[in-house]
Amino acid sequence: MKKKLTLFCMIMLLAACGSSSKDKSVTCTFDSGDSGVVEKVDVTYDSDKKVKSLIVSQEAALADYLFEDYDVKELEELYKDKYVNPNKKQEGLTFDISVDKKAKKLFVKVEVDTSKVSESDMTDLGLNDFKEVNDLVKGLKANNYTCDKIE
């Protein structure tokens, strides 16, 4: 009986530890309206409110003339060159860039794993001052994003 009670206490302790370290998230969105840019930022943070990861998704309308001058693959490469630095390894960063010719839209998704990304890449992305979720959300709100409440 004593062993069962000890085991039960250990399980409860582990369960309590596991639930207290659960990551939380907050989402911020931006819609430019007339210019056709919609952006969403999903932020995952730990119990100390340190940013663990970001997923930035952007959808932008493309002008008709771009499709007259470039094919879809060329447009994707053009925008990829804008976001991805081919001269750096960029650990902790994942880019997904695509163009939908029918919808005439550009889709960009950037994932940032802050535990793997370098300080210089954080600076290049403009994220070096936003290591805590409160600072990041404050910065996004200052740029007209609408954000969920931070827990």
N, C-alpha and C. Protein backbone atom coordinates (compact mmCIF):
# COMPACT_ATOMS: atom_id res chain seq x y z
N MET A 1 0.83 -1.20 0.00
CA MET A 1 0.00 0.00 0.00
C MET A 1 0.87 1.26 0.00
N LYS A 2 1.94 1.21 0.78
CA LYS A 2 2.84 2.35 0.85
C LYS A 2 3.48 2.61 -0.51
N LYS A 3 3.84 1.53 -1.22
CA LYS A 3 4.44 1.67 -2.55
C LYS A 3 3.45 2.31 -3.52
N LYS A 4 2.19 1.89 -3.43
CA LYS A 4 1.17 2.46 -4.32
C LYS A 4 0.96 3.94 -4.04
N LEU A 5 0.95 4.31 -2.77
CA LEU A 5 0.78 5.70 -2.40
C LEU A 5 1.96 6.54 -2.89
N THR A 6 3.17 6.01 -2.74
CA THR A 6 4.37 6.70 -3.22
C THR A 6 4.33 6.86 -4.73
N LEU A 7 3.95 5.80 -5.43
CA LEU A 7 3.84 5.84 -6.88
C LEU A 7 2.79 6.86 -7.32
N PHE A 8 1.65 6.87 -6.64
CA PHE A 8 0.59 7.82 -6.94
C PHE A 8 1.08 9.26 -6.76
N CYS A 9 1.80 9.52 -5.67
CA CYS A 9 2.33 10.86 -5.42
C CYS A 9 3.33 11.27 -6.49
N MET A 10 4.17 10.32 -6.93
CA MET A 10 5.15 10.63 -7.97
C MET A 10 4.45 10.96 -9.29
N ILE A 11 3.41 10.20 -9.62
CA ILE A 11 2.67 10.46 -10.86
C ILE A 11 2.00 11.83 -10.80
N MET A 12 1.40 12.16 -9.67
CA MET A 12 0.75 13.46 -9.51
C MET A 12 1.76 14.60 -9.61
N LEU A 13 2.93 14.39 -9.03
CA LEU A 13 3.98 15.40 -9.08
C LEU A 13 4.45 15.61 -10.53
N LEU A 14 4.66 14.51 -11.25
CA LEU A 14 5.07 14.60 -12.65
C LEU A 14 3.99 15.26 -13.50
N ALA A 15 2.75 14.93 -13.24
CA ALA A 15 1.65 15.53 -13.99
C ALA A 15 1.58 17.03 -13.73
N ALA A 16 1.79 17.42 -12.49
CA ALA A 16 1.77 18.84 -12.14
C ALA A 16 2.92 19.57 -12.81
N CYS A 17 4.08 18.95 -12.82
CA CYS A 17 5.24 19.57 -13.48
C CYS A 17 5.02 19.69 -14.98
N GLY A 18 4.46 18.68 -15.56
CA GLY A 18 4.23 18.69 -17.00
C GLY A 18 3.23 19.76 -17.40
N SER A 19 2.19 19.96 -16.63
CA SER A 19 1.17 20.93 -17.01
C SER A 19 1.63 22.36 -16.78
N SER A 20 2.53 22.57 -15.82
CA SER A 20 2.97 23.94 -15.55
C SER A 20 3.93 24.44 -16.62
N SER A 21 4.57 23.52 -17.33
CA SER A 21 5.53 23.95 -18.34
C SER A 21 4.92 23.96 -19.75
N LYS A 22 3.62 23.83 -19.83
CA LYS A 22 2.96 23.80 -21.14
C LYS A 22 3.10 25.15 -21.84
N ASP A 23 3.46 25.08 -23.11
CA ASP A 23 3.61 26.30 -23.90
C ASP A 23 2.24 26.91 -24.18
N LYS A 24 2.24 28.21 -24.34
CA LYS A 24 1.02 28.94 -24.67
C LYS A 24 1.24 29.65 -26.00
N SER A 25 0.16 30.15 -26.57
CA SER A 25 0.31 30.86 -27.84
C SER A 25 -0.61 32.06 -27.91
N VAL A 26 -0.24 32.98 -28.77
CA VAL A 26 -1.05 34.16 -29.04
C VAL A 26 -0.96 34.42 -30.55
N THR A 27 -2.06 34.90 -31.12
CA THR A 27 -2.11 35.18 -32.55
C THR A 27 -2.39 36.65 -32.77
N CYS A 28 -1.64 37.24 -33.69
CA CYS A 28 -1.84 38.63 -34.09
C CYS A 28 -2.11 38.66 -35.60
N THR A 29 -3.02 39.53 -36.02
CA THR A 29 -3.36 39.62 -37.44
C THR A 29 -3.32 41.07 -37.91
N PHE A 30 -3.08 41.22 -39.20
CA PHE A 30 -3.04 42.54 -39.83
C PHE A 30 -3.70 42.42 -41.20
N ASP A 31 -4.59 43.34 -41.50
CA ASP A 31 -5.23 43.38 -42.82
C ASP A 31 -5.12 44.81 -43.33
N SER A 32 -4.38 44.98 -44.43
CA SER A 32 -4.16 46.33 -44.96
C SER A 32 -5.36 46.86 -45.73
N GLY A 33 -6.32 46.00 -45.99
CA GLY A 33 -7.50 46.44 -46.72
C GLY A 33 -7.23 46.63 -48.20
N ASP A 34 -7.14 47.87 -48.64
CA ASP A 34 -7.02 48.19 -50.07
C ASP A 34 -5.77 47.63 -50.74
N SER A 35 -4.65 47.56 -50.03
CA SER A 35 -3.42 47.09 -50.69
C SER A 35 -3.36 45.57 -50.82
N GLY A 36 -4.29 44.86 -50.20
CA GLY A 36 -4.39 43.42 -50.41
C GLY A 36 -3.41 42.57 -49.63
N VAL A 37 -2.86 43.10 -48.54
CA VAL A 37 -1.92 42.33 -47.72
C VAL A 37 -2.62 41.90 -46.43
N VAL A 38 -2.58 40.60 -46.17
CA VAL A 38 -3.11 40.05 -44.92
C VAL A 38 -1.97 39.27 -44.28
N GLU A 39 -1.71 39.54 -43.00
CA GLU A 39 -0.61 38.86 -42.32
C GLU A 39 -1.09 38.32 -40.99
N LYS A 40 -0.58 37.16 -40.63
CA LYS A 40 -0.91 36.52 -39.36
C LYS A 40 0.39 36.08 -38.70
N VAL A 41 0.52 36.36 -37.40
CA VAL A 41 1.70 35.96 -36.64
C VAL A 41 1.23 35.09 -35.48
N ASP A 42 1.67 33.83 -35.48
CA ASP A 42 1.38 32.90 -34.39
C ASP A 42 2.63 32.80 -33.53
N VAL A 43 2.51 33.16 -32.26
CA VAL A 43 3.65 33.18 -31.34
C VAL A 43 3.45 32.11 -30.28
N THR A 44 4.44 31.26 -30.10
CA THR A 44 4.43 30.28 -29.02
C THR A 44 5.44 30.75 -27.98
N TYR A 45 5.01 30.72 -26.71
CA TYR A 45 5.89 31.18 -25.64
C TYR A 45 5.78 30.25 -24.43
N ASP A 46 6.81 30.31 -23.58
CA ASP A 46 6.84 29.43 -22.41
C ASP A 46 6.24 30.12 -21.19
N SER A 47 6.30 29.44 -20.05
CA SER A 47 5.70 29.98 -18.82
C SER A 47 6.41 31.24 -18.33
N ASP A 48 7.65 31.46 -18.77
CA ASP A 48 8.38 32.69 -18.42
C ASP A 48 8.12 33.81 -19.42
N LYS A 49 7.19 33.54 -20.36
CA LYS A 49 6.80 34.49 -21.42
C LYS A 49 7.93 34.78 -22.40
N LYS A 50 8.87 33.85 -22.53
CA LYS A 50 9.93 33.96 -23.53
C LYS A 50 9.40 33.36 -24.84
N VAL A 51 9.63 34.06 -25.94
CA VAL A 51 9.18 33.59 -27.25
C VAL A 51 9.98 32.36 -27.65
N LYS A 52 9.28 31.27 -27.97
CA LYS A 52 9.94 30.03 -28.41
C LYS A 52 9.93 29.90 -29.92
N SER A 53 8.81 30.28 -30.53
CA SER A 53 8.73 30.18 -31.99
C SER A 53 7.70 31.17 -32.53
N LEU A 54 7.89 31.48 -33.79
CA LEU A 54 6.97 32.36 -34.51
C LEU A 54 6.64 31.72 -35.84
N ILE A 55 5.42 31.86 -36.26
CA ILE A 55 5.05 31.50 -37.63
C ILE A 55 4.37 32.73 -38.21
N VAL A 56 5.00 33.30 -39.21
CA VAL A 56 4.47 34.48 -39.87
C VAL A 56 3.94 34.04 -41.23
N SER A 57 2.65 34.26 -41.45
CA SER A 57 2.01 33.91 -42.72
C SER A 57 1.53 35.19 -43.37
N GLN A 58 1.86 35.35 -44.64
CA GLN A 58 1.46 36.56 -45.36
C GLN A 58 0.84 36.19 -46.70
N GLU A 59 -0.23 36.89 -47.01
CA GLU A 59 -0.90 36.74 -48.30
C GLU A 59 -0.96 38.13 -48.92
N ALA A 60 -0.47 38.27 -50.13
CA ALA A 60 -0.45 39.59 -50.77
C ALA A 60 -0.94 39.50 -52.20
N ALA A 61 -1.78 40.45 -52.58
CA ALA A 61 -2.25 40.54 -53.97
C ALA A 61 -1.10 40.99 -54.85
N LEU A 62 -1.01 40.40 -56.03
CA LEU A 62 0.04 40.77 -56.98
C LEU A 62 -0.58 41.48 -58.18
N ALA A 63 0.12 42.47 -58.67
CA ALA A 63 -0.35 43.25 -59.82
C ALA A 63 -0.36 42.40 -61.08
N ASP A 64 -1.31 42.67 -61.96
CA ASP A 64 -1.45 41.93 -63.22
C ASP A 64 -0.18 41.94 -64.06
N TYR A 65 0.50 43.09 -64.10
CA TYR A 65 1.67 43.20 -64.98
C TYR A 65 2.78 42.23 -64.60
N LEU A 66 2.84 41.82 -63.32
CA LEU A 66 3.87 40.86 -62.91
C LEU A 66 3.71 39.54 -63.66
N PHE A 67 2.47 39.15 -63.91
CA PHE A 67 2.22 37.89 -64.61
C PHE A 67 2.47 38.01 -66.11
N GLU A 68 2.52 39.24 -66.59
CA GLU A 68 2.87 39.47 -68.00
C GLU A 68 4.38 39.38 -68.20
N ASP A 69 5.13 39.81 -67.17
CA ASP A 69 6.59 39.86 -67.27
C ASP A 69 7.29 38.59 -66.76
N TYR A 70 6.62 37.84 -65.87
CA TYR A 70 7.25 36.67 -65.25
C TYR A 70 6.30 35.49 -65.25
N ASP A 71 6.86 34.27 -65.29
CA ASP A 71 6.01 33.11 -65.05
C ASP A 71 6.03 32.84 -63.54
N VAL A 72 5.21 31.89 -63.09
CA VAL A 72 5.04 31.63 -61.67
C VAL A 72 6.36 31.25 -60.99
N LYS A 73 7.14 30.38 -61.61
CA LYS A 73 8.42 29.95 -61.02
C LYS A 73 9.38 31.13 -60.85
N GLU A 74 9.41 32.01 -61.85
CA GLU A 74 10.28 33.19 -61.76
C GLU A 74 9.84 34.12 -60.63
N LEU A 75 8.53 34.29 -60.47
CA LEU A 75 8.02 35.12 -59.38
C LEU A 75 8.36 34.51 -58.03
N GLU A 76 8.20 33.19 -57.91
CA GLU A 76 8.54 32.52 -56.65
C GLU A 76 10.02 32.72 -56.32
N GLU A 77 10.89 32.59 -57.32
CA GLU A 77 12.33 32.79 -57.11
C GLU A 77 12.63 34.25 -56.75
N LEU A 78 11.94 35.17 -57.40
CA LEU A 78 12.13 36.59 -57.14
C LEU A 78 11.83 36.90 -55.67
N TYR A 79 10.71 36.39 -55.18
CA TYR A 79 10.34 36.65 -53.79
C TYR A 79 11.18 35.82 -52.82
N LYS A 80 11.58 34.63 -53.23
CA LYS A 80 12.45 33.81 -52.39
C LYS A 80 13.78 34.54 -52.15
N ASP A 81 14.32 35.15 -53.20
CA ASP A 81 15.56 35.91 -53.07
C ASP A 81 15.41 37.08 -52.11
N LYS A 82 14.21 37.61 -52.01
CA LYS A 82 13.94 38.73 -51.11
C LYS A 82 13.99 38.28 -49.65
N TYR A 83 13.53 37.07 -49.37
CA TYR A 83 13.43 36.59 -47.99
C TYR A 83 14.59 35.71 -47.56
N VAL A 84 15.09 34.89 -48.45
CA VAL A 84 16.09 33.89 -48.08
C VAL A 84 17.47 34.37 -48.50
N ASN A 85 18.41 34.34 -47.57
CA ASN A 85 19.78 34.73 -47.86
C ASN A 85 20.56 33.48 -48.27
N PRO A 86 20.91 33.34 -49.56
CA PRO A 86 21.59 32.13 -50.02
C PRO A 86 23.02 32.01 -49.50
N ASN A 87 23.57 33.09 -48.96
CA ASN A 87 24.94 33.08 -48.46
C ASN A 87 25.04 32.68 -46.99
N LYS A 88 23.90 32.45 -46.35
CA LYS A 88 23.88 32.07 -44.94
C LYS A 88 23.09 30.78 -44.78
N LYS A 89 23.46 30.00 -43.77
CA LYS A 89 22.76 28.75 -43.51
C LYS A 89 21.38 29.00 -42.91
N GLN A 90 21.24 30.00 -42.08
CA GLN A 90 19.98 30.39 -41.45
C GLN A 90 19.31 29.24 -40.69
N GLU A 91 20.02 28.70 -39.71
CA GLU A 91 19.46 27.66 -38.85
C GLU A 91 18.23 28.19 -38.12
N GLY A 92 17.23 27.36 -37.97
CA GLY A 92 16.04 27.72 -37.22
C GLY A 92 15.02 28.52 -38.01
N LEU A 93 15.29 28.76 -39.29
CA LEU A 93 14.36 29.49 -40.14
C LEU A 93 13.89 28.59 -41.27
N THR A 94 12.59 28.57 -41.49
CA THR A 94 12.01 27.80 -42.60
C THR A 94 11.14 28.75 -43.41
N PHE A 95 11.33 28.75 -44.71
CA PHE A 95 10.58 29.62 -45.61
C PHE A 95 9.77 28.77 -46.58
N ASP A 96 8.52 29.16 -46.79
CA ASP A 96 7.67 28.54 -47.80
C ASP A 96 7.05 29.68 -48.61
N ILE A 97 7.43 29.77 -49.87
CA ILE A 97 6.98 30.87 -50.71
C ILE A 97 6.32 30.29 -51.96
N SER A 98 5.09 30.74 -52.24
CA SER A 98 4.40 30.26 -53.43
C SER A 98 3.56 31.38 -54.04
N VAL A 99 3.29 31.22 -55.32
CA VAL A 99 2.48 32.19 -56.06
C VAL A 99 1.32 31.44 -56.69
N ASP A 100 0.12 31.99 -56.52
CA ASP A 100 -1.08 31.43 -57.14
C ASP A 100 -1.48 32.35 -58.30
N LYS A 101 -1.24 31.89 -59.52
CA LYS A 101 -1.49 32.72 -60.71
C LYS A 101 -2.98 33.03 -60.87
N LYS A 102 -3.82 32.04 -60.62
CA LYS A 102 -5.26 32.22 -60.79
C LYS A 102 -5.80 33.28 -59.82
N ALA A 103 -5.38 33.18 -58.56
CA ALA A 103 -5.84 34.14 -57.55
C ALA A 103 -5.02 35.43 -57.57
N LYS A 104 -3.89 35.41 -58.31
CA LYS A 104 -2.96 36.54 -58.38
C LYS A 104 -2.50 36.96 -56.99
N LYS A 105 -2.01 35.94 -56.25
CA LYS A 105 -1.57 36.19 -54.88
C LYS A 105 -0.23 35.53 -54.60
N LEU A 106 0.49 36.16 -53.69
CA LEU A 106 1.74 35.64 -53.17
C LEU A 106 1.47 35.13 -51.76
N PHE A 107 1.96 33.94 -51.45
CA PHE A 107 1.83 33.38 -50.11
C PHE A 107 3.23 33.15 -49.55
N VAL A 108 3.48 33.70 -48.38
CA VAL A 108 4.78 33.55 -47.73
C VAL A 108 4.53 33.05 -46.32
N LYS A 109 5.28 32.02 -45.93
CA LYS A 109 5.21 31.51 -44.56
C LYS A 109 6.64 31.39 -44.06
N VAL A 110 6.91 32.03 -42.93
CA VAL A 110 8.24 31.99 -42.32
C VAL A 110 8.08 31.43 -40.92
N GLU A 111 8.81 30.36 -40.62
CA GLU A 111 8.81 29.79 -39.28
C GLU A 111 10.15 30.08 -38.63
N VAL A 112 10.09 30.58 -37.39
CA VAL A 112 11.30 30.94 -36.65
C VAL A 112 11.33 30.14 -35.35
N ASP A 113 12.34 29.30 -35.19
CA ASP A 113 12.56 28.56 -33.95
C ASP A 113 13.64 29.33 -33.19
N THR A 114 13.24 30.08 -32.17
CA THR A 114 14.18 30.97 -31.48
C THR A 114 15.28 30.22 -30.74
N SER A 115 15.10 28.93 -30.49
CA SER A 115 16.16 28.17 -29.82
C SER A 115 17.28 27.81 -30.78
N LYS A 116 17.02 27.91 -32.09
CA LYS A 116 18.02 27.52 -33.08
C LYS A 116 18.54 28.69 -33.92
N VAL A 117 17.77 29.75 -34.03
CA VAL A 117 18.16 30.86 -34.91
C VAL A 117 19.27 31.69 -34.26
N SER A 118 20.20 32.16 -35.07
CA SER A 118 21.34 32.93 -34.55
C SER A 118 20.94 34.36 -34.21
N GLU A 119 21.76 35.00 -33.38
CA GLU A 119 21.52 36.40 -33.01
C GLU A 119 21.52 37.30 -34.24
N SER A 120 22.44 37.05 -35.18
CA SER A 120 22.50 37.91 -36.37
C SER A 120 21.25 37.75 -37.24
N ASP A 121 20.73 36.52 -37.35
CA ASP A 121 19.50 36.32 -38.12
C ASP A 121 18.31 36.97 -37.40
N MET A 122 18.30 36.91 -36.07
CA MET A 122 17.23 37.57 -35.31
C MET A 122 17.28 39.08 -35.58
N THR A 123 18.49 39.63 -35.64
CA THR A 123 18.65 41.05 -35.93
C THR A 123 18.20 41.35 -37.35
N ASP A 124 18.62 40.52 -38.31
CA ASP A 124 18.22 40.71 -39.71
C ASP A 124 16.71 40.68 -39.88
N LEU A 125 16.04 39.85 -39.10
CA LEU A 125 14.58 39.74 -39.17
C LEU A 125 13.88 40.84 -38.37
N GLY A 126 14.66 41.63 -37.63
CA GLY A 126 14.08 42.69 -36.81
C GLY A 126 13.43 42.16 -35.54
N LEU A 127 13.88 40.99 -35.07
CA LEU A 127 13.26 40.35 -33.92
C LEU A 127 14.13 40.35 -32.67
N ASN A 128 15.30 40.93 -32.73
CA ASN A 128 16.23 40.85 -31.60
C ASN A 128 15.69 41.53 -30.34
N ASP A 129 14.84 42.54 -30.49
CA ASP A 129 14.28 43.23 -29.33
C ASP A 129 12.98 42.60 -28.85
N PHE A 130 12.59 41.50 -29.46
CA PHE A 130 11.29 40.90 -29.14
C PHE A 130 11.43 39.47 -28.64
N LYS A 131 12.27 39.25 -27.65
CA LYS A 131 12.48 37.91 -27.13
C LYS A 131 11.41 37.52 -26.12
N GLU A 132 10.68 38.50 -25.60
CA GLU A 132 9.58 38.24 -24.68
C GLU A 132 8.27 38.54 -25.38
N VAL A 133 7.26 37.71 -25.11
CA VAL A 133 5.99 37.82 -25.82
C VAL A 133 5.33 39.18 -25.61
N ASN A 134 5.44 39.76 -24.41
CA ASN A 134 4.82 41.07 -24.17
C ASN A 134 5.41 42.14 -25.08
N ASP A 135 6.74 42.13 -25.25
CA ASP A 135 7.40 43.10 -26.13
C ASP A 135 7.01 42.89 -27.59
N LEU A 136 6.94 41.63 -28.00
CA LEU A 136 6.58 41.32 -29.38
C LEU A 136 5.16 41.78 -29.70
N VAL A 137 4.22 41.45 -28.82
CA VAL A 137 2.82 41.84 -29.04
C VAL A 137 2.69 43.36 -29.02
N LYS A 138 3.38 44.01 -28.10
CA LYS A 138 3.36 45.48 -28.04
C LYS A 138 3.86 46.08 -29.36
N GLY A 139 4.95 45.53 -29.90
CA GLY A 139 5.49 46.00 -31.17
C GLY A 139 4.54 45.77 -32.33
N LEU A 140 3.88 44.61 -32.33
CA LEU A 140 2.92 44.32 -33.40
C LEU A 140 1.71 45.25 -33.32
N LYS A 141 1.21 45.47 -32.10
CA LYS A 141 0.07 46.38 -31.93
C LYS A 141 0.42 47.80 -32.37
N ALA A 142 1.67 48.21 -32.13
CA ALA A 142 2.12 49.54 -32.56
C ALA A 142 2.12 49.66 -34.08
N ASN A 143 2.14 48.51 -34.78
CA ASN A 143 2.10 48.49 -36.24
C ASN A 143 0.74 48.05 -36.77
N ASN A 144 -0.31 48.32 -35.98
CA ASN A 144 -1.71 48.11 -36.38
C ASN A 144 -2.14 46.65 -36.49
N TYR A 145 -1.49 45.75 -35.76
CA TYR A 145 -1.94 44.37 -35.68
C TYR A 145 -2.98 44.28 -34.57
N THR A 146 -3.90 43.33 -34.72
CA THR A 146 -4.86 43.01 -33.68
C THR A 146 -4.40 41.70 -33.06
N CYS A 147 -4.28 41.67 -31.73
CA CYS A 147 -3.72 40.49 -31.06
C CYS A 147 -4.67 39.92 -30.01
N ASP A 148 -4.60 38.59 -29.85
CA ASP A 148 -5.31 37.93 -28.77
C ASP A 148 -4.70 38.38 -27.45
N LYS A 149 -5.40 38.08 -26.37
CA LYS A 149 -4.89 38.40 -25.04
C LYS A 149 -3.81 37.39 -24.64
N ILE A 150 -2.75 37.88 -24.03
CA ILE A 150 -1.68 37.01 -23.53
C ILE A 150 -2.13 36.41 -22.21
N GLU A 151 -1.99 35.09 -22.10
CA GLU A 151 -2.40 34.41 -20.85
C GLU A 151 -1.32 34.52 -19.81
